[in-house]
C-alpha cells in the first residue's frame, strides 16, 4: 500500500479540470491511464526523470475506480485531498453543502484512532 501514491493521484487529478472530468466520467480508464503514465513521474519535476516501482494495490485501484472515499480514507489517503477532488466532481449534483455533509456522514462510523494520514 502506498499512501504517497494515493495522495499523489488525488492531488494531481484535482489540479487539472480536464482530469477531474475524465475521472468523473471514466474512473476505471482514468485510474489505469494515470497509473501507467503518471504514477512514476517525479512530482513537480520538469525533466523526464521517472521512478519505476510505484503501483496501486488492487484494493487501492478498486477504491479509486469506485470513487469510494470511505475506503480511500481507510487506506490512508488524506481526507482533505479526497474531499477537495470529490467536491470538484460531485458538488454540482447537490445543493449547497449537501455533498460535504453526505461525505462527513459516510465517515461518521469511524472512531479514533483514525488511519495515519501523515505524509
PDB file of N, CA and C in Angstrom:
ATOM      1  N   UNK A   1       0.843  -1.172   0.000  1.00  0.00           N
ATOM      2  CA  UNK A   1       0.000   0.000   0.000  1.00  0.00           C
ATOM      3  C   UNK A   1       0.892   1.239   0.000  1.00  0.00           C
ATOM      4  N   UNK A   2       0.520   2.232  -0.775  1.00  0.00           N
ATOM      5  CA  UNK A   2       1.287   3.460  -0.852  1.00  0.00           C
ATOM      6  C   UNK A   2       0.377   4.661  -0.631  1.00  0.00           C
ATOM      7  N   UNK A   3       0.396   5.187   0.590  1.00  0.00           N
ATOM      8  CA  UNK A   3      -0.373   6.408   0.854  1.00  0.00           C
ATOM      9  C   UNK A   3       0.134   7.527  -0.043  1.00  0.00           C
ATOM     10  N   UNK A   4       1.442   7.540  -0.299  1.00  0.00           N
ATOM     11  CA  UNK A   4       2.016   8.565  -1.166  1.00  0.00           C
ATOM     12  C   UNK A   4       1.368   8.518  -2.545  1.00  0.00           C
ATOM     13  N   UNK A   5       1.251   7.337  -3.113  1.00  0.00           N
ATOM     14  CA  UNK A   5       0.712   7.233  -4.469  1.00  0.00           C
ATOM     15  C   UNK A   5      -0.768   7.606  -4.500  1.00  0.00           C
ATOM     16  N   UNK A   6      -1.540   7.180  -3.503  1.00  0.00           N
ATOM     17  CA  UNK A   6      -2.944   7.589  -3.434  1.00  0.00           C
ATOM     18  C   UNK A   6      -3.063   9.109  -3.365  1.00  0.00           C
ATOM     19  N   UNK A   7      -2.280   9.715  -2.480  1.00  0.00           N
ATOM     20  CA  UNK A   7      -2.341  11.168  -2.330  1.00  0.00           C
ATOM     21  C   UNK A   7      -1.850  11.871  -3.589  1.00  0.00           C
ATOM     22  N   UNK A   8      -0.841  11.319  -4.240  1.00  0.00           N
ATOM     23  CA  UNK A   8      -0.343  11.902  -5.488  1.00  0.00           C
ATOM     24  C   UNK A   8      -1.430  11.872  -6.566  1.00  0.00           C
ATOM     25  N   UNK A   9      -2.153  10.776  -6.663  1.00  0.00           N
ATOM     26  CA  UNK A   9      -3.255  10.688  -7.619  1.00  0.00           C
ATOM     27  C   UNK A   9      -4.297  11.764  -7.319  1.00  0.00           C
ATOM     28  N   UNK A  10      -4.750  11.822  -6.076  1.00  0.00           N
ATOM     29  CA  UNK A  10      -5.774  12.785  -5.689  1.00  0.00           C
ATOM     30  C   UNK A  10      -5.317  14.217  -5.941  1.00  0.00           C
ATOM     31  N   UNK A  11      -4.072  14.510  -5.600  1.00  0.00           N
ATOM     32  CA  UNK A  11      -3.510  15.846  -5.763  1.00  0.00           C
ATOM     33  C   UNK A  11      -3.415  16.234  -7.238  1.00  0.00           C
ATOM     34  N   UNK A  12      -2.862  15.365  -8.063  1.00  0.00           N
ATOM     35  CA  UNK A  12      -2.654  15.726  -9.469  1.00  0.00           C
ATOM     36  C   UNK A  12      -3.963  15.795 -10.242  1.00  0.00           C
ATOM     37  N   UNK A  13      -4.886  14.893  -9.987  1.00  0.00           N
ATOM     38  CA  UNK A  13      -6.163  14.929 -10.688  1.00  0.00           C
ATOM     39  C   UNK A  13      -6.943  16.173 -10.275  1.00  0.00           C
ATOM     40  N   UNK A  14      -6.926  16.512  -9.000  1.00  0.00           N
ATOM     41  CA  UNK A  14      -7.687  17.660  -8.504  1.00  0.00           C
ATOM     42  C   UNK A  14      -7.211  18.978  -9.096  1.00  0.00           C
ATOM     43  N   UNK A  15      -6.000  19.050  -9.555  1.00  0.00           N
ATOM     44  CA  UNK A  15      -5.456  20.304 -10.065  1.00  0.00           C
ATOM     45  C   UNK A  15      -5.586  20.470 -11.569  1.00  0.00           C
ATOM     46  N   UNK A  16      -6.294  19.559 -12.216  1.00  0.00           N
ATOM     47  CA  UNK A  16      -6.459  19.634 -13.670  1.00  0.00           C
ATOM     48  C   UNK A  16      -7.934  19.452 -14.014  1.00  0.00           C
ATOM     49  N   UNK A  17      -8.622  20.517 -14.419  1.00  0.00           N
ATOM     50  CA  UNK A  17     -10.059  20.411 -14.703  1.00  0.00           C
ATOM     51  C   UNK A  17     -10.406  19.326 -15.723  1.00  0.00           C
ATOM     52  N   UNK A  18      -9.548  19.116 -16.709  1.00  0.00           N
ATOM     53  CA  UNK A  18      -9.809  18.060 -17.696  1.00  0.00           C
ATOM     54  C   UNK A  18      -9.720  16.670 -17.057  1.00  0.00           C
ATOM     55  N   UNK A  19      -8.733  16.487 -16.173  1.00  0.00           N
ATOM     56  CA  UNK A  19      -8.613  15.194 -15.480  1.00  0.00           C
ATOM     57  C   UNK A  19      -9.768  14.969 -14.515  1.00  0.00           C
ATOM     58  N   UNK A  20     -10.237  16.027 -13.878  1.00  0.00           N
ATOM     59  CA  UNK A  20     -11.393  15.905 -12.982  1.00  0.00           C
ATOM     60  C   UNK A  20     -12.576  15.349 -13.762  1.00  0.00           C
ATOM     61  N   UNK A  21     -12.847  15.930 -14.916  1.00  0.00           N
ATOM     62  CA  UNK A  21     -13.977  15.469 -15.729  1.00  0.00           C
ATOM     63  C   UNK A  21     -13.752  14.056 -16.249  1.00  0.00           C
ATOM     64  N   UNK A  22     -12.530  13.781 -16.644  1.00  0.00           N
ATOM     65  CA  UNK A  22     -12.210  12.426 -17.128  1.00  0.00           C
ATOM     66  C   UNK A  22     -12.431  11.397 -16.021  1.00  0.00           C
ATOM     67  N   UNK A  23     -11.963  11.712 -14.810  1.00  0.00           N
ATOM     68  CA  UNK A  23     -12.123  10.794 -13.682  1.00  0.00           C
ATOM     69  C   UNK A  23     -13.594  10.645 -13.299  1.00  0.00           C
ATOM     70  N   UNK A  24     -14.348  11.707 -13.374  1.00  0.00           N
ATOM     71  CA  UNK A  24     -15.788  11.649 -13.064  1.00  0.00           C
ATOM     72  C   UNK A  24     -16.514  10.734 -14.049  1.00  0.00           C
ATOM     73  N   UNK A  25     -16.193  10.859 -15.330  1.00  0.00           N
ATOM     74  CA  UNK A  25     -16.900  10.122 -16.379  1.00  0.00           C
ATOM     75  C   UNK A  25     -16.376   8.702 -16.604  1.00  0.00           C
ATOM     76  N   UNK A  26     -15.080   8.493 -16.417  1.00  0.00           N
ATOM     77  CA  UNK A  26     -14.469   7.180 -16.687  1.00  0.00           C
ATOM     78  C   UNK A  26     -13.402   6.903 -15.639  1.00  0.00           C
ATOM     79  N   UNK A  27     -13.848   6.574 -14.452  1.00  0.00           N
ATOM     80  CA  UNK A  27     -12.908   6.372 -13.342  1.00  0.00           C
ATOM     81  C   UNK A  27     -11.928   5.240 -13.633  1.00  0.00           C
ATOM     82  N   UNK A  28     -12.416   4.097 -14.087  1.00  0.00           N
ATOM     83  CA  UNK A  28     -11.527   2.952 -14.325  1.00  0.00           C
ATOM     84  C   UNK A  28     -10.481   3.284 -15.383  1.00  0.00           C
ATOM     85  N   UNK A  29     -10.912   3.913 -16.459  1.00  0.00           N
ATOM     86  CA  UNK A  29      -9.978   4.279 -17.522  1.00  0.00           C
ATOM     87  C   UNK A  29      -8.965   5.309 -17.069  1.00  0.00           C
ATOM     88  N   UNK A  30      -9.415   6.271 -16.279  1.00  0.00           N
ATOM     89  CA  UNK A  30      -8.515   7.315 -15.785  1.00  0.00           C
ATOM     90  C   UNK A  30      -7.498   6.739 -14.821  1.00  0.00           C
ATOM     91  N   UNK A  31      -7.942   5.870 -13.922  1.00  0.00           N
ATOM     92  CA  UNK A  31      -7.024   5.249 -12.966  1.00  0.00           C
ATOM     93  C   UNK A  31      -5.981   4.415 -13.713  1.00  0.00           C
ATOM     94  N   UNK A  32      -6.410   3.627 -14.682  1.00  0.00           N
ATOM     95  CA  UNK A  32      -5.467   2.798 -15.458  1.00  0.00           C
ATOM     96  C   UNK A  32      -4.470   3.677 -16.209  1.00  0.00           C
ATOM     97  N   UNK A  33      -4.965   4.715 -16.895  1.00  0.00           N
ATOM     98  CA  UNK A  33      -4.077   5.628 -17.627  1.00  0.00           C
ATOM     99  C   UNK A  33      -3.099   6.312 -16.681  1.00  0.00           C
ATOM    100  N   UNK A  34      -3.621   6.850 -15.565  1.00  0.00           N
ATOM    101  CA  UNK A  34      -2.772   7.593 -14.639  1.00  0.00           C
ATOM    102  C   UNK A  34      -1.692   6.696 -14.054  1.00  0.00           C
ATOM    103  N   UNK A  35      -2.066   5.483 -13.692  1.00  0.00           N
ATOM    104  CA  UNK A  35      -1.082   4.564 -13.107  1.00  0.00           C
ATOM    105  C   UNK A  35       0.009   4.230 -14.128  1.00  0.00           C
ATOM    106  N   UNK A  36      -0.376   4.044 -15.374  1.00  0.00           N
ATOM    107  CA  UNK A  36       0.587   3.711 -16.431  1.00  0.00           C
ATOM    108  C   UNK A  36       1.474   4.897 -16.803  1.00  0.00           C
ATOM    109  N   UNK A  37       0.874   6.071 -16.948  1.00  0.00           N
ATOM    110  CA  UNK A  37       1.591   7.222 -17.492  1.00  0.00           C
ATOM    111  C   UNK A  37       2.126   8.204 -16.455  1.00  0.00           C
ATOM    112  N   UNK A  38       1.455   8.335 -15.327  1.00  0.00           N
ATOM    113  CA  UNK A  38       1.783   9.415 -14.394  1.00  0.00           C
ATOM    114  C   UNK A  38       2.352   8.956 -13.057  1.00  0.00           C
ATOM    115  N   UNK A  39       2.035   7.759 -12.636  1.00  0.00           N
ATOM    116  CA  UNK A  39       2.385   7.320 -11.278  1.00  0.00           C
ATOM    117  C   UNK A  39       3.878   7.399 -11.008  1.00  0.00           C
ATOM    118  N   UNK A  40       4.682   7.090 -11.982  1.00  0.00           N
ATOM    119  CA  UNK A  40       6.120   7.050 -11.752  1.00  0.00           C
ATOM    120  C   UNK A  40       6.855   8.310 -12.190  1.00  0.00           C
ATOM    121  N   UNK A  41       6.121   9.338 -12.573  1.00  0.00           N
ATOM    122  CA  UNK A  41       6.762  10.629 -12.817  1.00  0.00           C
ATOM    123  C   UNK A  41       7.077  11.256 -11.470  1.00  0.00           C
ATOM    124  N   UNK A  42       8.187  11.921 -11.423  1.00  0.00           N
ATOM    125  CA  UNK A  42       8.573  12.594 -10.195  1.00  0.00           C
ATOM    126  C   UNK A  42       7.708  13.848 -10.060  1.00  0.00           C
ATOM    127  N   UNK A  43       7.016  13.981  -8.939  1.00  0.00           N
ATOM    128  CA  UNK A  43       6.094  15.096  -8.712  1.00  0.00           C
ATOM    129  C   UNK A  43       6.833  16.423  -8.803  1.00  0.00           C
ATOM    130  N   UNK A  44       6.273  17.340  -9.585  1.00  0.00           N
ATOM    131  CA  UNK A  44       6.818  18.684  -9.776  1.00  0.00           C
ATOM    132  C   UNK A  44       8.218  18.691 -10.390  1.00  0.00           C
ATOM    133  N   UNK A  45       8.554  17.655 -11.124  1.00  0.00           N
ATOM    134  CA  UNK A  45       9.847  17.578 -11.800  1.00  0.00           C
ATOM    135  C   UNK A  45       9.601  17.850 -13.286  1.00  0.00           C
ATOM    136  N   UNK A  46      10.322  18.792 -13.841  1.00  0.00           N
ATOM    137  CA  UNK A  46      10.074  19.204 -15.221  1.00  0.00           C
ATOM    138  C   UNK A  46      10.973  18.486 -16.227  1.00  0.00           C
ATOM    139  N   UNK A  47      11.707  17.509 -15.778  1.00  0.00           N
ATOM    140  CA  UNK A  47      12.539  16.722 -16.692  1.00  0.00           C
ATOM    141  C   UNK A  47      11.863  15.378 -16.908  1.00  0.00           C
ATOM    142  N   UNK A  48      12.497  14.551 -17.674  1.00  0.00           N
ATOM    143  CA  UNK A  48      11.935  13.232 -17.972  1.00  0.00           C
ATOM    144  C   UNK A  48      12.273  12.204 -16.896  1.00  0.00           C
ATOM    145  N   UNK A  49      12.750  12.639 -15.759  1.00  0.00           N
ATOM    146  CA  UNK A  49      13.124  11.719 -14.685  1.00  0.00           C
ATOM    147  C   UNK A  49      11.898  10.965 -14.183  1.00  0.00           C
ATOM    148  N   UNK A  50      12.041   9.664 -14.003  1.00  0.00           N
ATOM    149  CA  UNK A  50      10.933   8.807 -13.566  1.00  0.00           C
ATOM    150  C   UNK A  50      11.461   7.756 -12.604  1.00  0.00           C
ATOM    151  N   UNK A  51      10.570   7.296 -11.741  1.00  0.00           N
ATOM    152  CA  UNK A  51      10.871   6.112 -10.943  1.00  0.00           C
ATOM    153  C   UNK A  51      10.265   4.916 -11.675  1.00  0.00           C
ATOM    154  N   UNK A  52      10.408   3.741 -11.138  1.00  0.00           N
ATOM    155  CA  UNK A  52       9.919   2.552 -11.853  1.00  0.00           C
ATOM    156  C   UNK A  52       9.101   1.610 -10.992  1.00  0.00           C
ATOM    157  N   UNK A  53       8.930   1.886  -9.739  1.00  0.00           N
ATOM    158  CA  UNK A  53       8.379   0.873  -8.839  1.00  0.00           C
ATOM    159  C   UNK A  53       6.992   1.174  -8.298  1.00  0.00           C
ATOM    160  N   UNK A  54       6.444   2.362  -8.505  1.00  0.00           N
ATOM    161  CA  UNK A  54       5.172   2.711  -7.888  1.00  0.00           C
ATOM    162  C   UNK A  54       3.982   2.123  -8.641  1.00  0.00           C
ATOM    163  N   UNK A  55       3.078   1.506  -7.902  1.00  0.00           N
ATOM    164  CA  UNK A  55       1.841   0.955  -8.469  1.00  0.00           C
ATOM    165  C   UNK A  55       0.815   0.850  -7.354  1.00  0.00           C
ATOM    166  N   UNK A  56      -0.453   0.971  -7.739  1.00  0.00           N
ATOM    167  CA  UNK A  56      -1.527   0.795  -6.774  1.00  0.00           C
ATOM    168  C   UNK A  56      -1.694  -0.679  -6.439  1.00  0.00           C
ATOM    169  N   UNK A  57      -2.157  -0.955  -5.224  1.00  0.00           N
ATOM    170  CA  UNK A  57      -2.586  -2.309  -4.893  1.00  0.00           C
ATOM    171  C   UNK A  57      -3.963  -2.514  -5.523  1.00  0.00           C
ATOM    172  N   UNK A  58      -4.420  -3.741  -5.585  1.00  0.00           N
ATOM    173  CA  UNK A  58      -5.753  -3.999  -6.120  1.00  0.00           C
ATOM    174  C   UNK A  58      -6.822  -3.273  -5.303  1.00  0.00           C
ATOM    175  N   UNK A  59      -6.644  -3.232  -3.995  1.00  0.00           N
ATOM    176  CA  UNK A  59      -7.612  -2.567  -3.111  1.00  0.00           C
ATOM    177  C   UNK A  59      -7.648  -1.055  -3.370  1.00  0.00           C
ATOM    178  N   UNK A  60      -6.485  -0.452  -3.549  1.00  0.00           N
ATOM    179  CA  UNK A  60      -6.423   0.982  -3.847  1.00  0.00           C
ATOM    180  C   UNK A  60      -7.057   1.276  -5.204  1.00  0.00           C
ATOM    181  N   UNK A  61      -6.702   0.471  -6.173  1.00  0.00           N
ATOM    182  CA  UNK A  61      -7.231   0.649  -7.534  1.00  0.00           C
ATOM    183  C   UNK A  61      -8.754   0.564  -7.533  1.00  0.00           C
ATOM    184  N   UNK A  62      -9.303  -0.401  -6.813  1.00  0.00           N
ATOM    185  CA  UNK A  62     -10.757  -0.578  -6.744  1.00  0.00           C
ATOM    186  C   UNK A  62     -11.429   0.610  -6.060  1.00  0.00           C
ATOM    187  N   UNK A  63     -10.860   1.088  -4.952  1.00  0.00           N
ATOM    188  CA  UNK A  63     -11.437   2.246  -4.261  1.00  0.00           C
ATOM    189  C   UNK A  63     -11.426   3.483  -5.156  1.00  0.00           C
ATOM    190  N   UNK A  64     -10.352   3.673  -5.911  1.00  0.00           N
ATOM    191  CA  UNK A  64     -10.293   4.806  -6.836  1.00  0.00           C
ATOM    192  C   UNK A  64     -11.303   4.644  -7.968  1.00  0.00           C
ATOM    193  N   UNK A  65     -11.425   3.452  -8.502  1.00  0.00           N
ATOM    194  CA  UNK A  65     -12.377   3.207  -9.592  1.00  0.00           C
ATOM    195  C   UNK A  65     -13.818   3.437  -9.153  1.00  0.00           C
ATOM    196  N   UNK A  66     -14.108   3.137  -7.892  1.00  0.00           N
ATOM    197  CA  UNK A  66     -15.469   3.253  -7.366  1.00  0.00           C
ATOM    198  C   UNK A  66     -15.752   4.606  -6.727  1.00  0.00           C
ATOM    199  N   UNK A  67     -14.773   5.515  -6.753  1.00  0.00           N
ATOM    200  CA  UNK A  67     -14.928   6.818  -6.081  1.00  0.00           C
ATOM    201  C   UNK A  67     -15.319   6.606  -4.608  1.00  0.00           C
ATOM    202  N   UNK A  68     -14.723   5.637  -3.961  1.00  0.00           N
ATOM    203  CA  UNK A  68     -15.091   5.245  -2.600  1.00  0.00           C
ATOM    204  C   UNK A  68     -14.221   5.982  -1.580  1.00  0.00           C
ATOM    205  N   UNK A  69     -14.666   7.175  -1.168  1.00  0.00           N
ATOM    206  CA  UNK A  69     -13.847   7.973  -0.261  1.00  0.00           C
ATOM    207  C   UNK A  69     -13.709   7.334   1.125  1.00  0.00           C
ATOM    208  N   UNK A  70     -14.660   6.545   1.529  1.00  0.00           N
ATOM    209  CA  UNK A  70     -14.548   5.872   2.830  1.00  0.00           C
ATOM    210  C   UNK A  70     -13.427   4.835   2.770  1.00  0.00           C
ATOM    211  N   UNK A  71     -13.398   4.037   1.717  1.00  0.00           N
ATOM    212  CA  UNK A  71     -12.322   3.053   1.561  1.00  0.00           C
ATOM    213  C   UNK A  71     -10.972   3.753   1.407  1.00  0.00           C
ATOM    214  N   UNK A  72     -10.928   4.849   0.645  1.00  0.00           N
ATOM    215  CA  UNK A  72      -9.670   5.579   0.477  1.00  0.00           C
ATOM    216  C   UNK A  72      -9.169   6.107   1.818  1.00  0.00           C
ATOM    217  N   UNK A  73     -10.061   6.632   2.638  1.00  0.00           N
ATOM    218  CA  UNK A  73      -9.678   7.100   3.968  1.00  0.00           C
ATOM    219  C   UNK A  73      -9.112   5.939   4.788  1.00  0.00           C
ATOM    220  N   UNK A  74      -9.779   4.798   4.736  1.00  0.00           N
ATOM    221  CA  UNK A  74      -9.297   3.623   5.460  1.00  0.00           C
ATOM    222  C   UNK A  74      -7.941   3.148   4.987  1.00  0.00           C
ATOM    223  N   UNK A  75      -7.626   3.417   3.735  1.00  0.00           N
ATOM    224  CA  UNK A  75      -6.326   3.048   3.181  1.00  0.00           C
ATOM    225  C   UNK A  75      -5.250   4.088   3.482  1.00  0.00           C
ATOM    226  N   UNK A  76      -5.655   5.197   4.096  1.00  0.00           N
ATOM    227  CA  UNK A  76      -4.687   6.213   4.495  1.00  0.00           C
ATOM    228  C   UNK A  76      -4.617   7.425   3.591  1.00  0.00           C
ATOM    229  N   UNK A  77      -5.476   7.508   2.566  1.00  0.00           N
ATOM    230  CA  UNK A  77      -5.495   8.710   1.729  1.00  0.00           C
ATOM    231  C   UNK A  77      -5.886   9.903   2.581  1.00  0.00           C
ATOM    232  N   UNK A  78      -5.258  11.036   2.313  1.00  0.00           N
ATOM    233  CA  UNK A  78      -5.541  12.214   3.125  1.00  0.00           C
ATOM    234  C   UNK A  78      -6.967  12.686   2.862  1.00  0.00           C
ATOM    235  N   UNK A  79      -7.778  12.869   3.913  1.00  0.00           N
ATOM    236  CA  UNK A  79      -9.189  13.228   3.709  1.00  0.00           C
ATOM    237  C   UNK A  79      -9.393  14.583   3.042  1.00  0.00           C
ATOM    238  N   UNK A  80      -8.491  15.531   3.217  1.00  0.00           N
ATOM    239  CA  UNK A  80      -8.663  16.825   2.562  1.00  0.00           C
ATOM    240  C   UNK A  80      -8.449  16.707   1.056  1.00  0.00           C
ATOM    241  N   UNK A  81      -7.507  15.866   0.643  1.00  0.00           N
ATOM    242  CA  UNK A  81      -7.294  15.667  -0.790  1.00  0.00           C
ATOM    243  C   UNK A  81      -8.492  14.976  -1.420  1.00  0.00           C
ATOM    244  N   UNK A  82      -9.014  13.978  -0.742  1.00  0.00           N
ATOM    245  CA  UNK A  82     -10.190  13.283  -1.257  1.00  0.00           C
ATOM    246  C   UNK A  82     -11.384  14.229  -1.297  1.00  0.00           C
ATOM    247  N   UNK A  83     -11.606  14.974  -0.236  1.00  0.00           N
ATOM    248  CA  UNK A  83     -12.748  15.881  -0.176  1.00  0.00           C
ATOM    249  C   UNK A  83     -12.690  16.933  -1.277  1.00  0.00           C
ATOM    250  N   UNK A  84     -11.542  17.571  -1.472  1.00  0.00           N
ATOM    251  CA  UNK A  84     -11.489  18.638  -2.480  1.00  0.00           C
ATOM    252  C   UNK A  84     -11.709  18.090  -3.887  1.00  0.00           C
ATOM    253  N   UNK A  85     -11.141  16.930  -4.185  1.00  0.00           N
ATOM    254  CA  UNK A  85     -11.366  16.341  -5.509  1.00  0.00           C
ATOM    255  C   UNK A  85     -12.821  15.939  -5.682  1.00  0.00           C
ATOM    256  N   UNK A  86     -13.397  15.306  -4.691  1.00  0.00           N
ATOM    257  CA  UNK A  86     -14.768  14.833  -4.827  1.00  0.00           C
ATOM    258  C   UNK A  86     -15.771  15.985  -4.834  1.00  0.00           C
ATOM    259  N   UNK A  87     -15.456  17.091  -4.159  1.00  0.00           N
ATOM    260  CA  UNK A  87     -16.296  18.283  -4.277  1.00  0.00           C
ATOM    261  C   UNK A  87     -16.278  18.764  -5.724  1.00  0.00           C
ATOM    262  N   UNK A  88     -15.093  18.814  -6.319  1.00  0.00           N
ATOM    263  CA  UNK A  88     -14.986  19.258  -7.721  1.00  0.00           C
ATOM    264  C   UNK A  88     -15.777  18.351  -8.658  1.00  0.00           C
ATOM    265  N   UNK A  89     -15.852  17.070  -8.337  1.00  0.00           N
ATOM    266  CA  UNK A  89     -16.549  16.125  -9.209  1.00  0.00           C
ATOM    267  C   UNK A  89     -18.053  16.073  -8.955  1.00  0.00           C
ATOM    268  N   UNK A  90     -18.468  16.154  -7.697  1.00  0.00           N
ATOM    269  CA  UNK A  90     -19.854  15.813  -7.371  1.00  0.00           C
ATOM    270  C   UNK A  90     -20.701  16.919  -6.749  1.00  0.00           C
ATOM    271  N   UNK A  91     -20.103  18.015  -6.311  1.00  0.00           N
ATOM    272  CA  UNK A  91     -20.896  19.055  -5.661  1.00  0.00           C
ATOM    273  C   UNK A  91     -21.977  19.601  -6.594  1.00  0.00           C
ATOM    274  N   UNK A  92     -21.698  19.656  -7.890  1.00  0.00           N
ATOM    275  CA  UNK A  92     -22.664  20.196  -8.862  1.00  0.00           C
ATOM    276  C   UNK A  92     -23.957  19.385  -8.913  1.00  0.00           C
ATOM    277  N   UNK A  93     -23.908  18.143  -8.440  1.00  0.00           N
ATOM    278  CA  UNK A  93     -25.085  17.277  -8.448  1.00  0.00           C
ATOM    279  C   UNK A  93     -25.954  17.457  -7.208  1.00  0.00           C
ATOM    280  N   UNK A  94     -25.553  18.350  -6.294  1.00  0.00           N
ATOM    281  CA  UNK A  94     -26.221  18.513  -5.000  1.00  0.00           C
ATOM    282  C   UNK A  94     -26.432  19.985  -4.699  1.00  0.00           C
ATOM    283  N   UNK A  95     -27.258  20.261  -3.719  1.00  0.00           N
ATOM    284  CA  UNK A  95     -27.458  21.622  -3.253  1.00  0.00           C
ATOM    285  C   UNK A  95     -26.277  22.094  -2.428  1.00  0.00           C
ATOM    286  N   UNK A  96     -26.320  23.353  -1.953  1.00  0.00           N
ATOM    287  CA  UNK A  96     -25.215  23.902  -1.166  1.00  0.00           C
ATOM    288  C   UNK A  96     -24.887  23.046   0.054  1.00  0.00           C
ATOM    289  N   UNK A  97     -23.668  22.660   0.165  1.00  0.00           N
ATOM    290  CA  UNK A  97     -23.095  21.867   1.262  1.00  0.00           C
ATOM    291  C   UNK A  97     -23.690  20.464   1.409  1.00  0.00           C
ATOM    292  N   UNK A  98     -24.612  20.061   0.560  1.00  0.00           N
ATOM    293  CA  UNK A  98     -25.184  18.714   0.681  1.00  0.00           C
ATOM    294  C   UNK A  98     -24.125  17.640   0.493  1.00  0.00           C
ATOM    295  N   UNK A  99     -23.254  17.823  -0.498  1.00  0.00           N
ATOM    296  CA  UNK A  99     -22.235  16.798  -0.735  1.00  0.00           C
ATOM    297  C   UNK A  99     -21.276  16.704   0.443  1.00  0.00           C
ATOM    298  N   UNK A 100     -20.830  17.849   0.951  1.00  0.00           N
ATOM    299  CA  UNK A 100     -19.894  17.842   2.075  1.00  0.00           C
ATOM    300  C   UNK A 100     -20.508  17.171   3.304  1.00  0.00           C
ATOM    301  N   UNK A 101     -21.780  17.428   3.558  1.00  0.00           N
ATOM    302  CA  UNK A 101     -22.445  16.798   4.703  1.00  0.00           C
ATOM    303  C   UNK A 101     -22.581  15.290   4.498  1.00  0.00           C
ATOM    304  N   UNK A 102     -22.903  14.870   3.287  1.00  0.00           N
ATOM    305  CA  UNK A 102     -23.007  13.434   2.984  1.00  0.00           C
ATOM    306  C   UNK A 102     -21.640  12.770   3.117  1.00  0.00           C
ATOM    307  N   UNK A 103     -20.602  13.442   2.681  1.00  0.00           N
ATOM    308  CA  UNK A 103     -19.231  12.944   2.805  1.00  0.00           C
ATOM    309  C   UNK A 103     -18.912  12.682   4.280  1.00  0.00           C
ATOM    310  N   UNK A 104     -19.221  13.659   5.122  1.00  0.00           N
ATOM    311  CA  UNK A 104     -18.985  13.519   6.559  1.00  0.00           C
ATOM    312  C   UNK A 104     -19.807  12.408   7.184  1.00  0.00           C
ATOM    313  N   UNK A 105     -21.083  12.306   6.794  1.00  0.00           N
ATOM    314  CA  UNK A 105     -21.945  11.233   7.340  1.00  0.00           C
ATOM    315  C   UNK A 105     -21.393   9.855   6.981  1.00  0.00           C
ATOM    316  N   UNK A 106     -20.845   9.725   5.792  1.00  0.00           N
ATOM    317  CA  UNK A 106     -20.314   8.427   5.368  1.00  0.00           C
ATOM    318  C   UNK A 106     -19.098   8.020   6.206  1.00  0.00           C
ATOM    319  N   UNK A 107     -18.443   8.984   6.827  1.00  0.00           N
ATOM    320  CA  UNK A 107     -17.264   8.697   7.654  1.00  0.00           C
ATOM    321  C   UNK A 107     -17.562   8.691   9.151  1.00  0.00           C
ATOM    322  N   UNK A 108     -18.787   9.016   9.549  1.00  0.00           N
ATOM    323  CA  UNK A 108     -19.067   9.190  10.975  1.00  0.00           C
ATOM    324  C   UNK A 108     -18.984   7.901  11.785  1.00  0.00           C
ATOM    325  N   UNK A 109     -19.012   6.747  11.139  1.00  0.00           N
ATOM    326  CA  UNK A 109     -18.893   5.483  11.870  1.00  0.00           C
ATOM    327  C   UNK A 109     -17.469   5.228  12.350  1.00  0.00           C
ATOM    328  N   UNK A 110     -16.511   5.989  11.852  1.00  0.00           N
ATOM    329  CA  UNK A 110     -15.118   5.799  12.242  1.00  0.00           C
ATOM    330  C   UNK A 110     -14.855   6.457  13.583  1.00  0.00           C
ATOM    331  N   UNK A 111     -14.010   5.835  14.360  1.00  0.00           N
ATOM    332  CA  UNK A 111     -13.637   6.390  15.655  1.00  0.00           C
ATOM    333  C   UNK A 111     -12.123   6.489  15.730  1.00  0.00           C
ATOM    334  N   UNK A 112     -11.656   7.259  16.691  1.00  0.00           N
ATOM    335  CA  UNK A 112     -10.219   7.379  16.893  1.00  0.00           C
ATOM    336  C   UNK A 112      -9.650   6.046  17.358  1.00  0.00           C
ATOM    337  N   UNK A 113      -8.463   5.698  17.042  1.00  0.00           N
ATOM    338  CA  UNK A 113      -7.555   6.464  16.205  1.00  0.00           C
ATOM    339  C   UNK A 113      -7.881   6.267  14.727  1.00  0.00           C
ATOM    340  N   UNK A 114      -7.867   7.353  13.986  1.00  0.00           N
ATOM    341  CA  UNK A 114      -8.078   7.284  12.544  1.00  0.00           C
ATOM    342  C   UNK A 114      -6.854   6.675  11.881  1.00  0.00           C
ATOM    343  N   UNK A 115      -7.007   6.248  10.638  1.00  0.00           N
ATOM    344  CA  UNK A 115      -5.807   5.813   9.909  1.00  0.00           C
ATOM    345  C   UNK A 115      -4.795   6.955   9.850  1.00  0.00           C
ATOM    346  N   UNK A 116      -3.544   6.632   9.864  1.00  0.00           N
ATOM    347  CA  UNK A 116      -2.483   7.629   9.807  1.00  0.00           C
ATOM    348  C   UNK A 116      -2.496   8.295   8.439  1.00  0.00           C
ATOM    349  N   UNK A 117      -2.670   9.608   8.405  1.00  0.00           N
ATOM    350  CA  UNK A 117      -2.652  10.343   7.143  1.00  0.00           C
ATOM    351  C   UNK A 117      -1.410  11.225   7.044  1.00  0.00           C
ATOM    352  N   UNK A 118      -0.413  10.959   7.883  1.00  0.00           N
ATOM    353  CA  UNK A 118       0.826  11.718   7.793  1.00  0.00           C
ATOM    354  C   UNK A 118       1.506  11.405   6.467  1.00  0.00           C
ATOM    355  N   UNK A 119       2.152  12.413   5.912  1.00  0.00           N
ATOM    356  CA  UNK A 119       2.850  12.196   4.634  1.00  0.00           C
ATOM    357  C   UNK A 119       4.336  12.226   4.806  1.00  0.00           C
TER     358      UNK A 119
END
